[in-house]
Amino acid sequence: MKIEHLGLFVADLEAVKDFYTKYFDGQAGPKYHNPRTGFSSYFINLVEGARLELCHKADLPQVATERLGLAYLSFSLGSKEAVDAKVKELRAAGCDLLSSPRITGDGYYEAVVTDLEATYLN
């Protein structure tokens, strides 16, 4: 068994699609739109692992508080150098750095960076 895809509801579907394709080398599939429900989405195919489905529905509430559910999305970049380079690239794009690159207590080399919507829409 494996995770096939993860769905993320977003406020600005086109901007978030551009974010994940530009900074995470994702390939966007065709846009899906259901005119009856107002739901739209893109699948973002990553080079390895699960896909992301970026979803949008205009009438969803905009909530930016801690809550139960998905806490974060983690990408493996393969090396410390790749993490450092990605952090530099995302910071130059205006994303906020919440945690500098470091080795965690469980042995990961990670940095915590906000995504496009957390940076610009909150």
Protein backbone atom coordinates (compact mmCIF):
# COMPACT_ATOMS: atom_id res chain seq x y z
CA MET A 1 0.00 0.00 0.00
CA LYS A 2 1.16 3.55 -0.69
CA ILE A 3 -0.24 7.05 -0.56
CA GLU A 4 -1.43 7.83 -4.10
CA HIS A 5 -2.17 11.51 -3.65
CA LEU A 6 -2.82 14.18 -1.05
CA GLY A 7 -5.55 16.78 -1.53
CA LEU A 8 -5.01 20.39 -0.48
CA PHE A 9 -7.76 23.01 -0.61
CA VAL A 10 -6.33 26.37 -1.68
CA ALA A 11 -7.66 29.89 -2.15
CA ASP A 12 -5.77 30.73 -5.37
CA LEU A 13 -5.66 27.58 -7.48
CA GLU A 14 -3.58 28.99 -10.35
CA ALA A 15 -0.97 30.64 -8.11
CA VAL A 16 -0.51 27.54 -5.95
CA LYS A 17 -0.27 25.33 -9.07
CA ASP A 18 2.47 27.64 -10.36
CA PHE A 19 4.25 27.48 -6.97
CA TYR A 20 4.43 23.68 -6.86
CA THR A 21 5.41 23.36 -10.52
CA LYS A 22 8.10 26.05 -10.31
CA TYR A 23 9.71 25.27 -6.95
CA PHE A 24 9.09 21.52 -6.63
CA ASP A 25 9.43 20.47 -10.29
CA GLY A 26 5.86 19.21 -10.38
CA GLN A 27 4.03 18.65 -13.64
CA ALA A 28 0.44 19.89 -13.63
CA GLY A 29 -2.20 17.78 -15.28
CA PRO A 30 -5.21 19.34 -16.99
CA LYS A 31 -7.52 21.48 -14.93
CA TYR A 32 -10.69 19.74 -13.79
CA HIS A 33 -13.79 21.86 -13.24
CA ASN A 34 -17.27 20.80 -12.17
CA PRO A 35 -19.61 23.68 -13.04
CA ARG A 36 -22.45 22.17 -10.99
CA THR A 37 -20.51 22.20 -7.70
CA GLY A 38 -17.97 24.94 -8.46
CA PHE A 39 -15.11 22.56 -7.60
CA SER A 40 -11.85 22.83 -9.57
CA SER A 41 -8.55 21.01 -9.20
CA TYR A 42 -5.17 20.18 -10.68
CA PHE A 43 -3.15 17.05 -10.03
CA ILE A 44 0.54 17.86 -9.56
CA ASN A 45 2.70 14.90 -10.54
CA LEU A 46 6.00 14.81 -8.67
CA VAL A 47 9.06 12.98 -9.97
CA GLU A 48 8.80 10.39 -7.18
CA GLY A 49 6.14 9.51 -4.65
CA ALA A 50 2.56 10.62 -4.18
CA ARG A 51 0.81 13.26 -6.26
CA LEU A 52 -0.78 16.43 -4.94
CA GLU A 53 -4.31 17.39 -5.85
CA LEU A 54 -4.75 21.13 -5.49
CA CYS A 55 -8.44 21.81 -4.95
CA HIS A 56 -10.51 24.98 -4.97
CA LYS A 57 -14.10 25.78 -4.19
CA ALA A 58 -15.01 29.46 -3.84
CA ASP A 59 -17.50 29.02 -1.02
CA LEU A 60 -15.11 27.33 1.43
CA PRO A 61 -14.23 29.33 4.57
CA GLN A 62 -10.71 30.75 4.78
CA VAL A 63 -9.32 29.30 8.02
CA ALA A 64 -5.74 30.00 9.13
CA THR A 65 -5.72 28.55 12.62
CA GLU A 66 -4.29 25.40 14.13
CA ARG A 67 -6.72 22.50 14.00
CA LEU A 68 -6.82 18.73 13.90
CA GLY A 69 -5.89 17.23 10.54
CA LEU A 70 -2.97 17.58 8.19
CA ALA A 71 -0.12 19.38 9.96
CA TYR A 72 2.43 19.77 7.16
CA LEU A 73 3.67 18.50 3.82
CA SER A 74 7.22 17.17 3.63
CA PHE A 75 9.39 16.76 0.53
CA SER A 76 12.59 14.72 0.37
CA LEU A 77 15.24 16.49 -1.67
CA GLY A 78 18.01 13.91 -1.32
CA SER A 79 20.83 15.84 0.33
CA LYS A 80 21.69 18.61 2.78
CA GLU A 81 22.96 20.72 -0.11
CA ALA A 82 19.65 20.36 -1.95
CA VAL A 83 17.71 21.41 1.18
CA ASP A 84 19.96 24.46 1.63
CA ALA A 85 19.55 25.42 -2.04
CA LYS A 86 15.75 25.01 -1.95
CA VAL A 87 15.50 27.12 1.21
CA LYS A 88 17.55 29.86 -0.44
CA GLU A 89 15.37 29.72 -3.56
CA LEU A 90 12.10 29.83 -1.63
CA ARG A 91 13.26 32.67 0.61
CA ALA A 92 14.26 34.67 -2.48
CA ALA A 93 10.72 34.09 -3.76
CA GLY A 94 9.32 35.62 -0.55
CA CYS A 95 8.37 32.50 1.40
CA ASP A 96 8.82 32.75 5.15
CA LEU A 97 11.38 30.53 6.88
CA LEU A 98 9.87 29.10 10.07
CA SER A 99 12.84 26.90 10.97
CA SER A 100 16.38 27.11 9.61
CA PRO A 101 17.98 23.96 8.15
CA ARG A 102 18.93 21.62 10.99
CA ILE A 103 19.19 17.98 11.96
CA THR A 104 16.09 16.99 13.92
CA GLY A 105 16.00 14.75 16.96
CA ASP A 106 14.88 11.87 14.76
CA GLY A 107 17.72 12.39 12.27
CA TYR A 108 16.15 14.35 9.43
CA TYR A 109 17.91 17.34 7.89
CA GLU A 110 15.05 19.75 7.44
CA ALA A 111 13.90 23.31 7.18
CA VAL A 112 10.34 24.53 7.60
CA VAL A 113 9.23 27.01 4.96
CA THR A 114 5.73 28.36 4.41
CA ASP A 115 4.05 27.81 1.10
CA LEU A 116 2.75 30.53 -1.17
CA GLU A 117 -0.65 30.89 0.47
CA ALA A 118 0.65 30.87 4.03
CA THR A 119 3.04 33.66 3.08
CA TYR A 120 0.81 35.88 0.96
CA LEU A 121 -2.77 35.14 1.93
CA ASN A 122 -2.61 35.30 5.73
